[in-house]
N, C-alpha and C. Protein backbone atom coordinates (compact mmCIF):
# COMPACT_ATOMS: atom_id res chain seq x y z
N MET A 1 98.36 115.77 65.71
CA MET A 1 97.30 115.34 66.61
C MET A 1 95.96 115.67 65.97
N THR A 2 95.03 114.79 66.12
CA THR A 2 93.75 114.99 65.45
C THR A 2 92.92 116.06 66.15
N SER A 3 92.02 116.64 65.39
CA SER A 3 91.13 117.65 65.96
C SER A 3 90.21 117.02 67.00
N GLU A 4 89.91 115.73 66.85
CA GLU A 4 89.08 115.03 67.83
C GLU A 4 89.77 115.00 69.20
N LEU A 5 91.08 114.72 69.22
CA LEU A 5 91.81 114.71 70.48
C LEU A 5 91.86 116.11 71.08
N ASN A 6 92.07 117.12 70.25
CA ASN A 6 92.06 118.50 70.75
C ASN A 6 90.72 118.85 71.38
N THR A 7 89.64 118.45 70.72
CA THR A 7 88.30 118.72 71.23
C THR A 7 88.08 118.02 72.57
N MET A 8 88.51 116.77 72.65
CA MET A 8 88.37 116.02 73.91
C MET A 8 89.17 116.67 75.03
N HIS A 9 90.39 117.13 74.71
CA HIS A 9 91.21 117.80 75.72
C HIS A 9 90.51 119.07 76.20
N GLN A 10 89.99 119.85 75.27
CA GLN A 10 89.28 121.09 75.64
C GLN A 10 88.08 120.78 76.53
N MET A 11 87.36 119.71 76.21
CA MET A 11 86.22 119.30 77.05
C MET A 11 86.68 118.93 78.45
N ALA A 12 87.79 118.22 78.53
CA ALA A 12 88.33 117.84 79.85
C ALA A 12 88.66 119.08 80.66
N MET A 13 89.28 120.08 80.02
CA MET A 13 89.64 121.30 80.73
C MET A 13 88.39 122.09 81.15
N GLU A 14 87.33 122.02 80.34
CA GLU A 14 86.06 122.65 80.72
C GLU A 14 85.46 121.94 81.94
N PHE A 15 85.58 120.62 81.99
CA PHE A 15 85.10 119.88 83.16
C PHE A 15 85.90 120.28 84.41
N VAL A 16 87.19 120.50 84.25
CA VAL A 16 88.01 120.95 85.39
C VAL A 16 87.51 122.31 85.87
N ASP A 17 87.24 123.23 84.94
CA ASP A 17 86.72 124.54 85.33
C ASP A 17 85.39 124.40 86.08
N GLU A 18 84.52 123.53 85.57
CA GLU A 18 83.23 123.30 86.24
C GLU A 18 83.43 122.70 87.63
N ALA A 19 84.40 121.80 87.74
CA ALA A 19 84.68 121.19 89.05
C ALA A 19 85.15 122.24 90.05
N ARG A 20 86.00 123.14 89.61
CA ARG A 20 86.50 124.19 90.51
C ARG A 20 85.37 125.13 90.93
N LEU A 21 84.50 125.47 90.00
CA LEU A 21 83.35 126.32 90.34
C LEU A 21 82.43 125.62 91.34
N ALA A 22 82.17 124.34 91.11
CA ALA A 22 81.33 123.58 92.04
C ALA A 22 81.97 123.52 93.42
N HIS A 23 83.28 123.33 93.45
CA HIS A 23 84.01 123.30 94.72
C HIS A 23 83.88 124.63 95.46
N GLN A 24 83.99 125.74 94.72
CA GLN A 24 83.85 127.07 95.33
C GLN A 24 82.46 127.27 95.91
N ARG A 25 81.45 126.65 95.30
CA ARG A 25 80.08 126.76 95.79
C ARG A 25 79.81 125.78 96.93
N GLY A 26 80.80 124.93 97.24
CA GLY A 26 80.62 123.95 98.30
C GLY A 26 79.92 122.68 97.84
N GLU A 27 79.81 122.48 96.55
CA GLU A 27 79.14 121.31 95.98
C GLU A 27 80.19 120.23 95.67
N GLU A 28 80.67 119.58 96.72
CA GLU A 28 81.80 118.65 96.59
C GLU A 28 81.46 117.43 95.74
N ARG A 29 80.25 116.91 95.86
CA ARG A 29 79.87 115.74 95.05
C ARG A 29 79.89 116.09 93.57
N THR A 30 79.35 117.25 93.22
CA THR A 30 79.34 117.70 91.83
C THR A 30 80.77 117.94 91.34
N ALA A 31 81.57 118.56 92.20
CA ALA A 31 82.97 118.82 91.84
C ALA A 31 83.69 117.51 91.54
N ARG A 32 83.49 116.52 92.39
CA ARG A 32 84.16 115.23 92.19
C ARG A 32 83.73 114.59 90.86
N LEU A 33 82.43 114.67 90.55
CA LEU A 33 81.95 114.10 89.29
C LEU A 33 82.59 114.78 88.08
N PHE A 34 82.71 116.10 88.14
CA PHE A 34 83.35 116.82 87.04
C PHE A 34 84.84 116.46 86.95
N PHE A 35 85.52 116.35 88.10
CA PHE A 35 86.93 115.96 88.07
C PHE A 35 87.09 114.56 87.47
N GLU A 36 86.19 113.65 87.83
CA GLU A 36 86.27 112.29 87.29
C GLU A 36 86.03 112.28 85.77
N LYS A 37 85.07 113.06 85.31
CA LYS A 37 84.84 113.16 83.86
C LYS A 37 86.09 113.71 83.16
N ALA A 38 86.66 114.75 83.76
CA ALA A 38 87.87 115.36 83.19
C ALA A 38 88.99 114.33 83.13
N PHE A 39 89.17 113.58 84.22
CA PHE A 39 90.23 112.57 84.25
C PHE A 39 90.04 111.54 83.15
N HIS A 40 88.84 110.99 83.03
CA HIS A 40 88.61 109.93 82.04
C HIS A 40 88.86 110.43 80.62
N LEU A 41 88.42 111.64 80.32
CA LEU A 41 88.68 112.21 78.99
C LEU A 41 90.16 112.45 78.76
N GLU A 42 90.82 113.05 79.76
CA GLU A 42 92.25 113.38 79.60
C GLU A 42 93.09 112.11 79.47
N LYS A 43 92.69 111.06 80.15
CA LYS A 43 93.40 109.78 80.04
C LYS A 43 93.29 109.23 78.62
N VAL A 44 92.09 109.29 78.05
CA VAL A 44 91.90 108.83 76.67
C VAL A 44 92.78 109.65 75.72
N VAL A 45 92.78 110.97 75.92
CA VAL A 45 93.59 111.86 75.06
C VAL A 45 95.07 111.52 75.20
N ALA A 46 95.54 111.36 76.44
CA ALA A 46 96.96 111.07 76.67
C ALA A 46 97.38 109.76 76.02
N LEU A 47 96.57 108.74 76.19
CA LEU A 47 96.94 107.43 75.65
C LEU A 47 96.79 107.36 74.14
N ALA A 48 95.96 108.23 73.57
CA ALA A 48 95.76 108.24 72.12
C ALA A 48 96.74 109.17 71.39
N THR A 49 97.48 109.98 72.15
CA THR A 49 98.43 110.89 71.52
C THR A 49 99.56 110.08 70.89
N PRO A 50 99.89 110.35 69.64
CA PRO A 50 100.93 109.57 68.95
C PRO A 50 102.27 109.56 69.69
N LEU A 51 103.00 108.49 69.49
CA LEU A 51 104.29 108.30 70.15
C LEU A 51 105.45 108.97 69.43
N GLN A 52 105.22 109.51 68.24
CA GLN A 52 106.29 110.11 67.47
C GLN A 52 106.94 111.28 68.24
N GLU A 53 108.20 111.52 67.93
CA GLU A 53 108.98 112.58 68.56
C GLU A 53 108.28 113.94 68.46
N THR A 54 107.60 114.18 67.38
CA THR A 54 106.89 115.44 67.16
C THR A 54 105.89 115.73 68.29
N TYR A 55 105.33 114.67 68.86
CA TYR A 55 104.30 114.81 69.90
C TYR A 55 104.82 114.53 71.30
N ARG A 56 106.12 114.45 71.45
CA ARG A 56 106.73 114.08 72.74
C ARG A 56 106.31 115.03 73.87
N LEU A 57 106.40 116.34 73.64
CA LEU A 57 106.00 117.31 74.67
C LEU A 57 104.51 117.22 74.94
N THR A 58 103.71 117.16 73.89
CA THR A 58 102.25 117.09 74.03
C THR A 58 101.85 115.86 74.83
N ARG A 59 102.40 114.71 74.47
CA ARG A 59 102.08 113.47 75.17
C ARG A 59 102.50 113.54 76.63
N SER A 60 103.68 114.09 76.90
CA SER A 60 104.16 114.22 78.28
C SER A 60 103.22 115.10 79.10
N VAL A 61 102.80 116.21 78.51
CA VAL A 61 101.90 117.13 79.22
C VAL A 61 100.55 116.45 79.48
N PHE A 62 100.02 115.75 78.49
CA PHE A 62 98.72 115.10 78.67
C PHE A 62 98.80 113.98 79.71
N LEU A 63 99.89 113.21 79.70
CA LEU A 63 100.03 112.15 80.71
C LEU A 63 100.16 112.75 82.10
N ARG A 64 100.92 113.84 82.22
CA ARG A 64 101.04 114.51 83.52
C ARG A 64 99.68 115.03 83.98
N SER A 65 98.95 115.64 83.06
CA SER A 65 97.63 116.18 83.37
C SER A 65 96.67 115.08 83.81
N ALA A 66 96.64 113.98 83.08
CA ALA A 66 95.77 112.86 83.44
C ALA A 66 96.14 112.28 84.81
N ALA A 67 97.45 112.17 85.07
CA ALA A 67 97.90 111.64 86.36
C ALA A 67 97.51 112.59 87.50
N SER A 68 97.67 113.87 87.27
CA SER A 68 97.30 114.86 88.28
C SER A 68 95.80 114.82 88.57
N LEU A 69 95.00 114.69 87.52
CA LEU A 69 93.56 114.58 87.70
C LEU A 69 93.20 113.28 88.43
N ALA A 70 93.93 112.21 88.14
CA ALA A 70 93.69 110.94 88.85
C ALA A 70 93.92 111.13 90.35
N LEU A 71 94.98 111.85 90.70
CA LEU A 71 95.24 112.13 92.11
C LEU A 71 94.12 112.96 92.72
N ASP A 72 93.64 113.96 91.97
CA ASP A 72 92.53 114.79 92.46
C ASP A 72 91.30 113.95 92.75
N CYS A 73 91.13 112.87 91.99
CA CYS A 73 89.97 111.99 92.15
C CYS A 73 90.21 110.89 93.19
N GLY A 74 91.44 110.78 93.68
CA GLY A 74 91.77 109.72 94.63
C GLY A 74 92.10 108.40 93.96
N PHE A 75 92.38 108.44 92.65
CA PHE A 75 92.74 107.23 91.90
C PHE A 75 94.26 107.09 91.87
N ASN A 76 94.84 106.83 93.03
CA ASN A 76 96.30 106.82 93.15
C ASN A 76 96.97 105.77 92.28
N ASP A 77 96.38 104.57 92.22
CA ASP A 77 96.99 103.51 91.40
C ASP A 77 97.06 103.91 89.93
N GLU A 78 95.97 104.50 89.44
CA GLU A 78 95.97 104.94 88.04
C GLU A 78 96.96 106.08 87.82
N ALA A 79 97.04 106.98 88.80
CA ALA A 79 98.00 108.08 88.69
C ALA A 79 99.42 107.54 88.58
N ILE A 80 99.74 106.60 89.44
CA ILE A 80 101.09 106.01 89.43
C ILE A 80 101.36 105.31 88.11
N GLN A 81 100.39 104.58 87.59
CA GLN A 81 100.56 103.89 86.31
C GLN A 81 100.80 104.88 85.17
N LEU A 82 100.03 105.97 85.15
CA LEU A 82 100.20 106.96 84.09
C LEU A 82 101.57 107.65 84.19
N ILE A 83 101.99 107.95 85.40
CA ILE A 83 103.29 108.60 85.59
C ILE A 83 104.41 107.66 85.17
N GLN A 84 104.31 106.40 85.57
CA GLN A 84 105.34 105.44 85.18
C GLN A 84 105.37 105.23 83.67
N LEU A 85 104.20 105.24 83.04
CA LEU A 85 104.15 105.15 81.58
C LEU A 85 104.86 106.34 80.96
N ALA A 86 104.57 107.53 81.48
CA ALA A 86 105.20 108.75 80.95
C ALA A 86 106.71 108.71 81.14
N LEU A 87 107.16 108.30 82.32
CA LEU A 87 108.60 108.27 82.60
C LEU A 87 109.31 107.19 81.79
N SER A 88 108.61 106.11 81.46
CA SER A 88 109.25 105.03 80.71
C SER A 88 109.25 105.28 79.20
N SER A 89 108.52 106.28 78.76
CA SER A 89 108.44 106.54 77.31
C SER A 89 109.17 107.83 76.93
N GLN A 90 110.31 108.06 77.55
CA GLN A 90 111.16 109.21 77.26
C GLN A 90 110.36 110.52 77.25
N PRO A 91 109.96 110.97 78.46
CA PRO A 91 109.19 112.21 78.51
C PRO A 91 110.02 113.41 78.08
N HIS A 92 109.35 114.46 77.72
CA HIS A 92 110.05 115.69 77.36
C HIS A 92 110.83 116.17 78.58
N PRO A 93 112.10 116.61 78.40
CA PRO A 93 112.93 117.03 79.54
C PRO A 93 112.31 118.14 80.39
N ALA A 94 111.49 118.98 79.80
CA ALA A 94 110.86 120.06 80.56
C ALA A 94 109.78 119.53 81.50
N ILE A 95 109.23 118.38 81.21
CA ILE A 95 108.13 117.82 81.99
C ILE A 95 108.61 116.73 82.95
N GLU A 96 109.75 116.13 82.66
CA GLU A 96 110.24 115.00 83.47
C GLU A 96 110.35 115.32 84.96
N PRO A 97 110.91 116.49 85.37
CA PRO A 97 110.98 116.77 86.82
C PRO A 97 109.59 116.87 87.46
N GLU A 98 108.63 117.40 86.72
CA GLU A 98 107.27 117.50 87.24
C GLU A 98 106.65 116.11 87.40
N LEU A 99 106.94 115.21 86.48
CA LEU A 99 106.45 113.84 86.58
C LEU A 99 107.06 113.14 87.79
N GLU A 100 108.36 113.35 88.00
CA GLU A 100 109.03 112.73 89.14
C GLU A 100 108.46 113.26 90.45
N GLU A 101 108.21 114.56 90.51
CA GLU A 101 107.62 115.17 91.70
C GLU A 101 106.20 114.62 91.93
N LEU A 102 105.45 114.48 90.86
CA LEU A 102 104.09 113.95 90.96
C LEU A 102 104.11 112.49 91.41
N LEU A 103 105.10 111.73 90.97
CA LEU A 103 105.21 110.33 91.39
C LEU A 103 105.47 110.24 92.89
N VAL A 104 106.35 111.10 93.41
CA VAL A 104 106.62 111.11 94.85
C VAL A 104 105.33 111.44 95.60
N LYS A 105 104.60 112.43 95.10
CA LYS A 105 103.34 112.83 95.74
C LYS A 105 102.33 111.68 95.70
N ALA A 106 102.23 111.01 94.56
CA ALA A 106 101.29 109.89 94.43
C ALA A 106 101.66 108.75 95.37
N ASN A 107 102.95 108.44 95.46
CA ASN A 107 103.40 107.39 96.36
C ASN A 107 103.14 107.76 97.82
N ALA A 108 103.34 109.03 98.16
CA ALA A 108 103.09 109.48 99.54
C ALA A 108 101.59 109.38 99.86
N GLN A 109 100.75 109.75 98.92
CA GLN A 109 99.31 109.65 99.14
C GLN A 109 98.88 108.20 99.23
N GLU A 110 99.52 107.36 98.44
CA GLU A 110 99.19 105.94 98.43
C GLU A 110 99.42 105.33 99.81
N THR A 111 100.49 105.69 100.45
CA THR A 111 100.83 105.12 101.75
C THR A 111 100.34 105.99 102.90
N HIS A 112 99.85 107.19 102.58
CA HIS A 112 99.41 108.15 103.59
C HIS A 112 100.52 108.42 104.61
N GLN A 113 101.74 108.34 104.14
CA GLN A 113 102.89 108.57 105.00
C GLN A 113 103.80 109.57 104.32
N GLU A 114 104.80 109.97 105.07
CA GLU A 114 105.82 110.82 104.49
C GLU A 114 106.73 109.97 103.62
N ALA A 115 107.24 110.57 102.56
CA ALA A 115 108.14 109.86 101.66
C ALA A 115 109.42 110.68 101.52
N ALA A 116 110.55 110.00 101.61
CA ALA A 116 111.83 110.68 101.42
C ALA A 116 111.93 111.14 99.98
N THR A 117 112.49 112.30 99.78
CA THR A 117 112.66 112.83 98.43
C THR A 117 113.95 113.62 98.35
N THR A 118 114.52 113.68 97.17
CA THR A 118 115.71 114.47 96.91
C THR A 118 115.42 115.35 95.70
N VAL A 119 115.73 116.64 95.85
CA VAL A 119 115.49 117.59 94.79
C VAL A 119 116.79 118.35 94.53
N THR A 120 117.16 118.48 93.27
CA THR A 120 118.33 119.27 92.89
C THR A 120 117.86 120.46 92.08
N GLY A 121 118.31 121.63 92.46
CA GLY A 121 117.93 122.83 91.74
C GLY A 121 118.69 124.04 92.25
N ARG A 122 118.51 125.16 91.56
CA ARG A 122 119.18 126.40 91.94
C ARG A 122 118.28 127.19 92.86
N LEU A 123 118.81 127.62 94.00
CA LEU A 123 118.06 128.40 94.98
C LEU A 123 117.87 129.82 94.43
N VAL A 124 116.62 130.14 94.03
CA VAL A 124 116.37 131.40 93.34
C VAL A 124 115.37 132.31 94.04
N ALA A 125 114.69 131.80 95.05
CA ALA A 125 113.69 132.63 95.72
C ALA A 125 113.54 132.20 97.16
N ALA A 126 113.08 133.13 97.97
CA ALA A 126 112.85 132.86 99.38
C ALA A 126 111.55 133.52 99.80
N ASP A 127 110.79 132.82 100.63
CA ASP A 127 109.52 133.32 101.15
C ASP A 127 109.62 133.28 102.67
N LEU A 128 110.12 134.36 103.25
CA LEU A 128 110.38 134.41 104.69
C LEU A 128 109.12 134.18 105.52
N PRO A 129 107.98 134.83 105.21
CA PRO A 129 106.80 134.61 106.07
C PRO A 129 106.36 133.14 106.14
N ASN A 130 106.61 132.38 105.09
CA ASN A 130 106.21 130.97 105.07
C ASN A 130 107.37 130.01 105.29
N ASN A 131 108.57 130.56 105.54
CA ASN A 131 109.77 129.73 105.73
C ASN A 131 109.98 128.75 104.59
N GLN A 132 109.91 129.28 103.35
CA GLN A 132 110.11 128.45 102.18
C GLN A 132 111.25 129.00 101.33
N ILE A 133 112.01 128.06 100.77
CA ILE A 133 112.94 128.42 99.71
C ILE A 133 112.36 127.84 98.43
N LYS A 134 112.75 128.42 97.29
CA LYS A 134 112.26 127.91 96.02
C LYS A 134 113.44 127.56 95.14
N LEU A 135 113.38 126.36 94.61
CA LEU A 135 114.44 125.84 93.75
C LEU A 135 113.95 125.82 92.31
N GLN A 136 114.80 126.33 91.42
CA GLN A 136 114.51 126.25 89.99
C GLN A 136 115.12 124.95 89.49
N ILE A 137 114.29 124.14 88.84
CA ILE A 137 114.74 122.84 88.38
C ILE A 137 115.37 122.97 87.01
N SER A 138 116.61 122.54 86.89
CA SER A 138 117.43 122.61 85.67
C SER A 138 117.24 123.95 84.97
N ASP A 139 117.08 123.92 83.66
CA ASP A 139 116.95 125.17 82.91
C ASP A 139 115.50 125.56 82.68
N THR A 140 114.58 124.87 83.33
CA THR A 140 113.17 125.20 83.15
C THR A 140 112.80 126.34 84.09
N MET A 141 111.61 126.83 83.96
CA MET A 141 111.12 127.86 84.86
C MET A 141 110.36 127.22 86.02
N HIS A 142 110.32 125.90 86.08
CA HIS A 142 109.59 125.19 87.12
C HIS A 142 110.27 125.39 88.48
N LEU A 143 109.49 125.85 89.45
CA LEU A 143 110.00 126.07 90.80
C LEU A 143 109.37 125.06 91.76
N ILE A 144 110.18 124.58 92.69
CA ILE A 144 109.68 123.69 93.74
C ILE A 144 109.93 124.39 95.07
N ALA A 145 108.88 124.48 95.87
CA ALA A 145 108.97 125.10 97.19
C ALA A 145 109.38 124.05 98.22
N VAL A 146 110.27 124.45 99.12
CA VAL A 146 110.73 123.57 100.19
C VAL A 146 110.60 124.33 101.51
N PHE A 147 109.91 123.74 102.47
CA PHE A 147 109.80 124.34 103.79
C PHE A 147 111.10 124.13 104.55
N VAL A 148 111.56 125.20 105.21
CA VAL A 148 112.84 125.19 105.90
C VAL A 148 112.59 125.54 107.37
N PRO A 149 113.27 124.86 108.31
CA PRO A 149 113.11 125.24 109.71
C PRO A 149 113.47 126.71 109.92
N GLU A 150 112.67 127.38 110.72
CA GLU A 150 112.83 128.82 110.93
C GLU A 150 114.23 129.19 111.42
N ASP A 151 114.80 128.35 112.28
CA ASP A 151 116.10 128.68 112.86
C ASP A 151 117.26 128.56 111.87
N THR A 152 117.05 127.91 110.72
CA THR A 152 118.14 127.77 109.73
C THR A 152 117.88 128.56 108.45
N PHE A 153 116.73 129.20 108.35
CA PHE A 153 116.31 129.87 107.12
C PHE A 153 117.35 130.90 106.64
N THR A 154 117.72 131.84 107.50
CA THR A 154 118.65 132.91 107.11
C THR A 154 120.01 132.34 106.73
N LYS A 155 120.49 131.38 107.48
CA LYS A 155 121.80 130.76 107.20
C LYS A 155 121.79 130.10 105.82
N ILE A 156 120.73 129.40 105.50
CA ILE A 156 120.63 128.72 104.21
C ILE A 156 120.62 129.73 103.06
N ILE A 157 119.86 130.81 103.23
CA ILE A 157 119.78 131.84 102.19
C ILE A 157 121.16 132.45 101.96
N LYS A 158 121.85 132.81 103.02
CA LYS A 158 123.17 133.43 102.90
C LYS A 158 124.18 132.48 102.25
N GLU A 159 124.13 131.23 102.63
CA GLU A 159 125.14 130.27 102.19
C GLU A 159 124.89 129.73 100.77
N TYR A 160 123.63 129.58 100.38
CA TYR A 160 123.34 128.87 99.13
C TYR A 160 122.65 129.70 98.06
N TRP A 161 122.39 130.98 98.32
CA TRP A 161 121.65 131.81 97.37
C TRP A 161 122.26 131.75 95.97
N ASP A 162 121.44 131.50 94.97
CA ASP A 162 121.80 131.45 93.55
C ASP A 162 122.82 130.36 93.24
N ASN A 163 122.88 129.34 94.07
CA ASN A 163 123.73 128.18 93.84
C ASN A 163 122.85 126.96 93.59
N THR A 164 123.40 125.99 92.88
CA THR A 164 122.70 124.72 92.70
C THR A 164 122.93 123.88 93.94
N VAL A 165 121.82 123.40 94.50
CA VAL A 165 121.88 122.64 95.75
C VAL A 165 121.15 121.31 95.60
N ILE A 166 121.48 120.42 96.50
CA ILE A 166 120.78 119.15 96.62
C ILE A 166 120.04 119.19 97.95
N VAL A 167 118.73 119.06 97.89
CA VAL A 167 117.90 119.07 99.09
C VAL A 167 117.41 117.65 99.35
N HIS A 168 117.68 117.18 100.55
CA HIS A 168 117.11 115.91 101.02
C HIS A 168 115.99 116.31 101.96
N GLY A 169 114.83 115.77 101.69
CA GLY A 169 113.69 116.16 102.51
C GLY A 169 112.66 115.07 102.60
N VAL A 170 111.52 115.49 103.12
CA VAL A 170 110.40 114.59 103.28
C VAL A 170 109.20 115.21 102.58
N MET A 171 108.54 114.42 101.74
CA MET A 171 107.30 114.90 101.13
C MET A 171 106.16 114.34 101.96
N ARG A 172 105.35 115.25 102.44
CA ARG A 172 104.20 114.88 103.26
C ARG A 172 103.03 114.49 102.35
N PRO A 173 102.02 113.83 102.89
CA PRO A 173 100.88 113.42 102.06
C PRO A 173 100.21 114.57 101.31
N ASP A 174 100.31 115.80 101.82
CA ASP A 174 99.71 116.93 101.11
C ASP A 174 100.57 117.43 99.96
N GLY A 175 101.74 116.79 99.76
CA GLY A 175 102.62 117.16 98.65
C GLY A 175 103.69 118.17 99.02
N SER A 176 103.65 118.71 100.23
CA SER A 176 104.66 119.69 100.63
C SER A 176 105.98 118.98 100.95
N ILE A 177 107.09 119.67 100.63
CA ILE A 177 108.42 119.12 100.89
C ILE A 177 109.02 119.88 102.06
N HIS A 178 109.58 119.15 103.03
CA HIS A 178 110.18 119.73 104.22
C HIS A 178 111.65 119.31 104.30
N LEU A 179 112.50 120.31 104.44
CA LEU A 179 113.95 120.11 104.43
C LEU A 179 114.43 119.24 105.58
N ARG A 180 115.31 118.31 105.25
CA ARG A 180 116.05 117.54 106.26
C ARG A 180 117.54 117.93 106.20
N ASP A 181 118.03 118.12 104.96
CA ASP A 181 119.45 118.43 104.77
C ASP A 181 119.59 119.15 103.44
N ILE A 182 120.60 120.02 103.36
CA ILE A 182 120.89 120.73 102.13
C ILE A 182 122.39 120.79 101.94
N GLN A 183 122.84 120.66 100.70
CA GLN A 183 124.26 120.76 100.40
C GLN A 183 124.44 121.30 99.01
N GLN A 184 125.57 121.91 98.78
CA GLN A 184 125.86 122.44 97.46
C GLN A 184 126.15 121.30 96.51
N ALA A 185 125.58 121.39 95.30
CA ALA A 185 125.82 120.37 94.29
C ALA A 185 127.24 120.50 93.76
N ALA A 186 127.78 119.40 93.34
CA ALA A 186 129.16 119.41 92.83
C ALA A 186 129.27 120.14 91.52
């Protein structure tokens, strides 16, 4: 990857930092402008990253980053296009589940409705105060939080702890996943 692309990526990440600082100060218009600058730079970097196998992880990360920034800016159509591009170009296996999760979130935001989702992972953590279970996706360290009804929380933990499960749920427009059904994976 060229040093020019690295420099552009670093600039995009600096714009993200500036956007977060502006947001903390309550300067939403300034924050949005910085997020948009970051998105446009990161998109250029992602699309310019070589397609060779050597850059597969880098390209997947940059496409995910650009899509995430597009969502932050409210550019749902562009986010969906970038995610679909990433998924169609053999993304790195460590990033693929995150891209799929981001696609569900983008589609849910696009329709401003809940979207059905299915997640498979190993139940490795529980957050009782928030009624959440956390699933580890494949062999990565990536965790996905799932909200569980309070009356079934303890039963689910006892029955499925440290097992691979299939969760059928609903992703809300804010990106949170809420359990509808859970079963042990085969």
